Amino acid sequence: MLLDGDGAVFLPHLISLGHAGGQKAAVVLSEGIKQHLRTLGDTCQVQISVYIFFNKQGLSKTLGHCSYHGARIRFDDFVAGFNQATERFMMIDVGSDKQAADSKMRGNGYLTCLG
């Protein structure tokens, strides 16, 4: 699964938990994906890969502007926790170019956005 992390942002209270919040976010996301697959009638065992493309600097600034200062301060730890939760879950900073996340998704042959 490819996600535009600039358009689908994790809850600030999870981000403010830092490393533990990133790990919890990965578990919640994984369970949500599995639940969705079950509603589609898919009963197979699947291995889920998630790539979240985002502008780290821009998202950090947005958290600060929205007064989520705890989330802004712990954002790096959150990303590390998410990335370490499982070998198939990755948050990838694509920089500040406009539409950089969309470009990465198109470059991988997909344009899918949840959010």
C-alpha atoms as a PDB file:
ATOM      1  CA  MET A   1       0.000   0.000   0.000  1.00  0.00           C
ATOM      2  CA  LEU A   2       1.272   3.441  -0.915  1.00  0.00           C
ATOM      3  CA  LEU A   3       0.005   6.425   1.066  1.00  0.00           C
ATOM      4  CA  ASP A   4       0.338  10.173   0.646  1.00  0.00           C
ATOM      5  CA  GLY A   5       1.434  11.106   4.164  1.00  0.00           C
ATOM      6  CA  ASP A   6       0.866  14.804   3.490  1.00  0.00           C
ATOM      7  CA  GLY A   7      -2.827  14.147   2.869  1.00  0.00           C
ATOM      8  CA  ALA A   8      -3.451  11.384   5.399  1.00  0.00           C
ATOM      9  CA  VAL A   9      -1.808  12.420   8.673  1.00  0.00           C
ATOM     10  CA  PHE A  10      -1.712  10.298  11.810  1.00  0.00           C
ATOM     11  CA  LEU A  11      -3.535  11.566  14.881  1.00  0.00           C
ATOM     12  CA  PRO A  12      -1.449  14.148  16.761  1.00  0.00           C
ATOM     13  CA  HIS A  13      -1.877  12.312  20.065  1.00  0.00           C
ATOM     14  CA  LEU A  14      -0.177   9.244  18.544  1.00  0.00           C
ATOM     15  CA  ILE A  15       2.648  11.374  17.152  1.00  0.00           C
ATOM     16  CA  SER A  16       3.134  13.018  20.552  1.00  0.00           C
ATOM     17  CA  LEU A  17       3.839   9.552  22.024  1.00  0.00           C
ATOM     18  CA  GLY A  18       7.033   9.453  19.968  1.00  0.00           C
ATOM     19  CA  HIS A  19       8.565   6.039  19.313  1.00  0.00           C
ATOM     20  CA  ALA A  20       5.779   4.155  21.103  1.00  0.00           C
ATOM     21  CA  GLY A  21       3.174   6.135  19.157  1.00  0.00           C
ATOM     22  CA  GLY A  22       4.813   5.213  15.856  1.00  0.00           C
ATOM     23  CA  GLN A  23       4.737   1.548  16.771  1.00  0.00           C
ATOM     24  CA  LYS A  24       1.104   1.810  17.882  1.00  0.00           C
ATOM     25  CA  ALA A  25       0.199   3.631  14.647  1.00  0.00           C
ATOM     26  CA  ALA A  26       1.735   0.784  12.631  1.00  0.00           C
ATOM     27  CA  VAL A  27      -0.302  -1.804  14.553  1.00  0.00           C
ATOM     28  CA  VAL A  28      -3.538   0.188  14.203  1.00  0.00           C
ATOM     29  CA  LEU A  29      -2.944   0.716  10.480  1.00  0.00           C
ATOM     30  CA  SER A  30      -2.117  -2.956   9.929  1.00  0.00           C
ATOM     31  CA  GLU A  31      -5.245  -4.086  11.773  1.00  0.00           C
ATOM     32  CA  GLY A  32      -7.371  -1.603   9.808  1.00  0.00           C
ATOM     33  CA  ILE A  33      -6.036  -2.901   6.509  1.00  0.00           C
ATOM     34  CA  LYS A  34      -6.670  -6.523   7.547  1.00  0.00           C
ATOM     35  CA  GLN A  35     -10.199  -5.651   8.673  1.00  0.00           C
ATOM     36  CA  HIS A  36     -10.874  -3.933   5.343  1.00  0.00           C
ATOM     37  CA  LEU A  37      -9.626  -6.978   3.435  1.00  0.00           C
ATOM     38  CA  ARG A  38     -11.953  -9.210   5.483  1.00  0.00           C
ATOM     39  CA  THR A  39     -14.933  -7.020   4.533  1.00  0.00           C
ATOM     40  CA  LEU A  40     -14.012  -7.657   0.896  1.00  0.00           C
ATOM     41  CA  GLY A  41     -14.213 -11.395   1.543  1.00  0.00           C
ATOM     42  CA  ASP A  42     -10.461 -11.948   1.466  1.00  0.00           C
ATOM     43  CA  THR A  43      -9.671 -14.672   3.990  1.00  0.00           C
ATOM     44  CA  CYS A  44      -6.107 -15.348   2.770  1.00  0.00           C
ATOM     45  CA  GLN A  45      -3.056 -14.738   4.851  1.00  0.00           C
ATOM     46  CA  VAL A  46      -1.348 -11.668   3.424  1.00  0.00           C
ATOM     47  CA  GLN A  47       1.857  -9.810   4.076  1.00  0.00           C
ATOM     48  CA  ILE A  48       1.189  -6.090   4.147  1.00  0.00           C
ATOM     49  CA  SER A  49       3.727  -3.551   2.945  1.00  0.00           C
ATOM     50  CA  VAL A  50       3.072   0.135   3.586  1.00  0.00           C
ATOM     51  CA  TYR A  51       5.076   3.006   2.137  1.00  0.00           C
ATOM     52  CA  ILE A  52       4.111   6.463   3.354  1.00  0.00           C
ATOM     53  CA  PHE A  53       5.608   9.326   1.347  1.00  0.00           C
ATOM     54  CA  PHE A  54       5.614  12.702   3.120  1.00  0.00           C
ATOM     55  CA  ASN A  55       7.302  16.081   3.462  1.00  0.00           C
ATOM     56  CA  LYS A  56       8.877  15.825   6.912  1.00  0.00           C
ATOM     57  CA  GLN A  57       9.773  19.497   7.263  1.00  0.00           C
ATOM     58  CA  GLY A  58       6.374  20.689   6.035  1.00  0.00           C
ATOM     59  CA  LEU A  59       4.421  18.304   8.233  1.00  0.00           C
ATOM     60  CA  SER A  60       6.508  19.245  11.258  1.00  0.00           C
ATOM     61  CA  LYS A  61       5.799  22.938  10.636  1.00  0.00           C
ATOM     62  CA  THR A  62       2.087  22.222  10.229  1.00  0.00           C
ATOM     63  CA  LEU A  63       1.993  20.405  13.578  1.00  0.00           C
ATOM     64  CA  GLY A  64       3.565  23.474  15.214  1.00  0.00           C
ATOM     65  CA  HIS A  65       1.196  25.912  13.485  1.00  0.00           C
ATOM     66  CA  CYS A  66      -1.762  23.862  14.702  1.00  0.00           C
ATOM     67  CA  SER A  67      -0.440  24.032  18.289  1.00  0.00           C
ATOM     68  CA  TYR A  68       0.461  20.330  18.429  1.00  0.00           C
ATOM     69  CA  HIS A  69       3.822  21.189  19.954  1.00  0.00           C
ATOM     70  CA  GLY A  70       4.273  17.817  21.684  1.00  0.00           C
ATOM     71  CA  ALA A  71       3.678  16.074  18.371  1.00  0.00           C
ATOM     72  CA  ARG A  72       6.111  18.378  16.603  1.00  0.00           C
ATOM     73  CA  ILE A  73       8.838  17.740  19.173  1.00  0.00           C
ATOM     74  CA  ARG A  74       8.408  13.937  19.076  1.00  0.00           C
ATOM     75  CA  PHE A  75       7.796  13.615  15.323  1.00  0.00           C
ATOM     76  CA  ASP A  76      11.238  12.151  14.522  1.00  0.00           C
ATOM     77  CA  ASP A  77      10.808   9.541  17.259  1.00  0.00           C
ATOM     78  CA  PHE A  78       7.333   8.720  15.914  1.00  0.00           C
ATOM     79  CA  VAL A  79       8.733   8.122  12.411  1.00  0.00           C
ATOM     80  CA  ALA A  80      11.495   5.907  13.823  1.00  0.00           C
ATOM     81  CA  GLY A  81       8.956   3.889  15.826  1.00  0.00           C
ATOM     82  CA  PHE A  82       6.730   3.416  12.777  1.00  0.00           C
ATOM     83  CA  ASN A  83       9.678   2.363  10.614  1.00  0.00           C
ATOM     84  CA  GLN A  84      10.933  -0.089  13.253  1.00  0.00           C
ATOM     85  CA  ALA A  85       7.520  -1.621  13.980  1.00  0.00           C
ATOM     86  CA  THR A  86       7.834  -4.064  11.083  1.00  0.00           C
ATOM     87  CA  GLU A  87      10.230  -4.544   8.208  1.00  0.00           C
ATOM     88  CA  ARG A  88       7.497  -3.795   5.658  1.00  0.00           C
ATOM     89  CA  PHE A  89       6.299  -0.439   7.024  1.00  0.00           C
ATOM     90  CA  MET A  90       8.234   2.671   5.995  1.00  0.00           C
ATOM     91  CA  MET A  91       7.711   6.401   6.235  1.00  0.00           C
ATOM     92  CA  ILE A  92       9.825   8.126   3.595  1.00  0.00           C
ATOM     93  CA  ASP A  93      10.658  11.841   3.573  1.00  0.00           C
ATOM     94  CA  VAL A  94      10.378  12.994  -0.052  1.00  0.00           C
ATOM     95  CA  GLY A  95      11.344  16.603   0.611  1.00  0.00           C
ATOM     96  CA  SER A  96       9.498  19.852   0.184  1.00  0.00           C
ATOM     97  CA  ASP A  97       8.816  19.935  -3.553  1.00  0.00           C
ATOM     98  CA  LYS A  98       5.130  20.453  -4.244  1.00  0.00           C
ATOM     99  CA  GLN A  99       3.451  17.157  -5.135  1.00  0.00           C
ATOM    100  CA  ALA A 100       6.605  15.162  -4.298  1.00  0.00           C
ATOM    101  CA  ALA A 101       4.569  12.453  -2.563  1.00  0.00           C
ATOM    102  CA  ASP A 102       2.247  12.125  -5.571  1.00  0.00           C
ATOM    103  CA  SER A 103       5.262  11.913  -7.887  1.00  0.00           C
ATOM    104  CA  LYS A 104       6.751   9.064  -5.869  1.00  0.00           C
ATOM    105  CA  MET A 105       3.459   7.193  -5.941  1.00  0.00           C
ATOM    106  CA  ARG A 106       3.099   7.662  -9.696  1.00  0.00           C
ATOM    107  CA  GLY A 107       6.713   6.599 -10.126  1.00  0.00           C
ATOM    108  CA  ASN A 108       5.851   3.322  -8.437  1.00  0.00           C
ATOM    109  CA  GLY A 109       2.950   2.792 -10.811  1.00  0.00           C
ATOM    110  CA  TYR A 110       0.215   3.809  -8.386  1.00  0.00           C
ATOM    111  CA  LEU A 111      -1.818   6.834  -7.497  1.00  0.00           C
ATOM    112  CA  THR A 112      -3.822   5.838  -4.463  1.00  0.00           C
ATOM    113  CA  CYS A 113      -4.657   8.159  -1.604  1.00  0.00           C
ATOM    114  CA  LEU A 114      -6.502   7.308   1.563  1.00  0.00           C
ATOM    115  CA  GLY A 115      -7.646  10.229   3.573  1.00  0.00           C
END
